[in-house]
Protein backbone atom coordinates (compact mmCIF):
# COMPACT_ATOMS: atom_id res chain seq x y z
CA MET A 1 -0.03 -0.05 -0.06
CA LEU A 2 1.25 3.52 -0.71
CA PRO A 3 1.83 5.82 2.22
CA GLY A 4 -1.22 8.02 2.89
CA GLY A 5 -3.60 5.54 1.20
CA ARG A 6 -6.57 3.96 2.79
CA GLY A 7 -5.94 2.09 5.88
CA ASP A 8 -2.58 3.85 6.25
CA PRO A 9 -2.28 5.28 9.91
CA ARG A 10 -0.52 8.27 8.59
CA SER A 11 -3.50 9.32 6.28
CA GLY A 12 -5.77 9.77 9.27
CA ASP A 13 -8.33 7.30 7.43
CA HIS A 14 -8.53 4.17 9.42
CA ARG A 15 -11.49 2.57 7.24
CA ARG A 16 -11.06 -0.94 5.91
CA TRP A 17 -13.73 -0.27 3.29
CA ARG A 18 -14.07 2.55 0.74
CA ARG A 19 -17.11 4.78 1.11
CA VAL A 20 -19.21 6.62 -1.43
CA ARG A 21 -20.45 10.09 -0.93
CA LEU A 22 -24.22 9.60 -0.72
CA SER A 23 -26.82 11.48 0.94
CA VAL A 24 -29.75 9.43 1.62
CA PRO A 25 -32.20 9.13 4.69
CA VAL A 26 -31.48 6.69 7.37
CA GLN A 27 -33.34 5.49 10.50
CA LEU A 28 -31.44 5.03 13.75
CA GLY A 29 -33.03 3.04 16.43
CA LYS A 30 -32.09 3.14 20.12
CA GLY A 31 -33.19 0.28 22.18
CA ALA A 32 -34.27 -3.24 21.56
CA GLU A 33 -35.39 -4.44 18.17
CA GLY A 34 -39.19 -4.13 17.64
CA LYS A 35 -41.64 -1.63 19.03
CA GLU A 36 -42.45 -3.59 22.09
CA GLY A 37 -38.74 -3.48 23.17
CA GLY A 38 -38.64 0.24 23.32
CA LEU A 39 -37.42 1.17 19.90
CA CYS A 40 -37.06 4.90 19.51
CA PRO A 41 -36.28 5.79 15.75
CA HIS A 42 -34.40 8.89 14.98
CA ALA A 43 -34.32 10.40 11.49
CA ALA A 44 -30.77 11.06 10.16
CA GLU A 45 -29.00 11.45 6.71
CA THR A 46 -25.83 9.87 5.51
CA ARG A 47 -22.95 11.86 4.27
CA ASP A 48 -21.05 8.93 3.03
CA LEU A 49 -21.65 5.12 3.01
CA GLY A 50 -19.75 1.96 2.73
CA PRO A 51 -20.03 -1.84 3.37
CA GLY A 52 -18.29 -1.22 6.65
CA GLY A 53 -20.09 1.75 8.07
CA ALA A 54 -21.56 5.21 7.42
CA TYR A 55 -21.01 8.72 8.48
CA VAL A 56 -24.43 10.31 9.33
CA THR A 57 -25.70 13.66 10.46
CA ILE A 58 -28.82 14.22 12.81
CA ASN A 59 -30.39 17.70 13.56
CA GLY A 60 -31.40 18.72 17.12
CA ALA A 61 -30.12 17.29 20.31
CA ASN A 62 -27.90 14.27 20.17
CA PRO A 63 -29.46 11.37 21.93
CA PHE A 64 -26.67 8.98 21.29
CA ALA A 65 -23.26 8.12 23.20
CA LEU A 66 -19.85 7.14 21.97
CA GLY A 67 -19.68 3.31 21.81
CA GLU A 68 -23.49 2.89 21.78
CA LEU A 69 -24.90 0.18 19.69
CA LEU A 70 -27.85 1.22 17.31
CA ARG A 71 -30.15 -0.38 14.92
CA VAL A 72 -29.63 0.96 11.36
CA TRP A 73 -31.98 1.03 8.32
CA ILE A 74 -30.89 2.62 5.11
CA SER A 75 -32.93 2.26 1.84
CA ILE A 76 -31.15 3.62 -1.33
CA PRO A 77 -33.58 5.46 -3.63
CA TRP A 78 -33.90 3.92 -7.15
CA GLU A 79 -32.44 6.86 -8.76
CA LEU A 80 -29.25 6.59 -6.72
CA ARG A 81 -28.48 3.08 -7.00
CA HIS A 82 -26.05 3.49 -9.66
CA SER A 83 -23.80 5.14 -7.01
CA PHE A 84 -24.01 2.37 -4.47
CA PRO A 85 -24.08 -1.42 -5.00
CA PHE A 86 -26.82 -2.04 -2.38
CA ALA A 87 -30.34 -1.33 -2.29
CA ARG A 88 -30.80 -1.73 1.44
CA VAL A 89 -28.70 -1.93 4.52
CA ALA A 90 -30.22 -3.13 7.92
CA GLY A 91 -28.68 -4.32 11.24
CA SER A 92 -26.67 -2.88 13.97
CA GLY A 93 -23.96 -0.09 13.97
CA ARG A 94 -21.72 1.13 16.82
CA VAL A 95 -20.98 4.85 17.22
CA VAL A 96 -17.25 5.14 16.98
CA ARG A 97 -16.96 8.95 16.71
CA MET A 98 -19.21 11.96 17.40
CA GLU A 99 -18.71 15.57 16.46
CA GLU A 100 -20.74 18.84 16.68
CA LEU A 101 -21.10 20.39 13.20
CA PRO A 102 -21.25 23.98 12.32
CA MET A 103 -24.74 25.13 11.16
CA SER A 104 -25.82 28.40 9.61
CA ASP A 105 -29.15 28.49 11.66
CA GLN A 106 -29.83 27.87 15.27
CA GLU A 107 -30.46 24.34 15.20
CA ASN A 108 -27.71 21.80 16.47
CA GLN A 109 -26.38 19.21 14.14
CA THR A 110 -24.07 16.29 15.22
CA GLY A 111 -22.11 13.92 12.84
CA LEU A 112 -21.83 10.26 13.83
CA ALA A 113 -19.36 7.76 12.50
CA LEU A 114 -20.89 4.29 12.49
CA GLU A 115 -19.16 1.10 12.31
CA PHE A 116 -21.59 -1.58 11.05
CA CYS A 117 -21.52 -4.95 13.02
CA GLU A 118 -21.58 -8.53 11.74
CA ASP A 119 -25.41 -8.75 11.75
CA VAL A 120 -25.76 -6.19 9.11
CA THR A 121 -27.66 -7.39 6.06
CA VAL A 122 -27.29 -5.80 2.61
CA LEU A 123 -29.73 -6.36 -0.25
CA GLY A 124 -28.28 -5.91 -3.83
CA THR A 125 -29.87 -4.48 -6.74
CA ILE A 126 -29.99 -5.14 -10.31
CA ILE A 127 -29.65 -2.17 -12.53
CA THR A 128 -30.78 -2.61 -16.12
CA PRO A 129 -29.75 -0.22 -18.89
């Protein structure tokens, strides 16, 4: 690997998987799976996405903690599926980084780096010309 490339500690990028800049809605669930188990969904949006994780932004107060395990649901809209090889991502993700982001209005925004867990399921898509 060349110095400064993906996975090189000197680059500051420690990801194992390449990500695509893609802004799509994502649902983050806090609590046990299923509504009876206390699921509390929070709307967010991806900034980038890959097979190993995602960077998402949430508006308003941040209800999550560093290291917390969340349920993640991402559905790629049909018109964007040429940018990403999956149609849907669902499973668990761990919050590995959090940062407050500057906003032009009065609402708070937080960036969350999520690392997908082994239970994540991806559904592919077939794109026809």
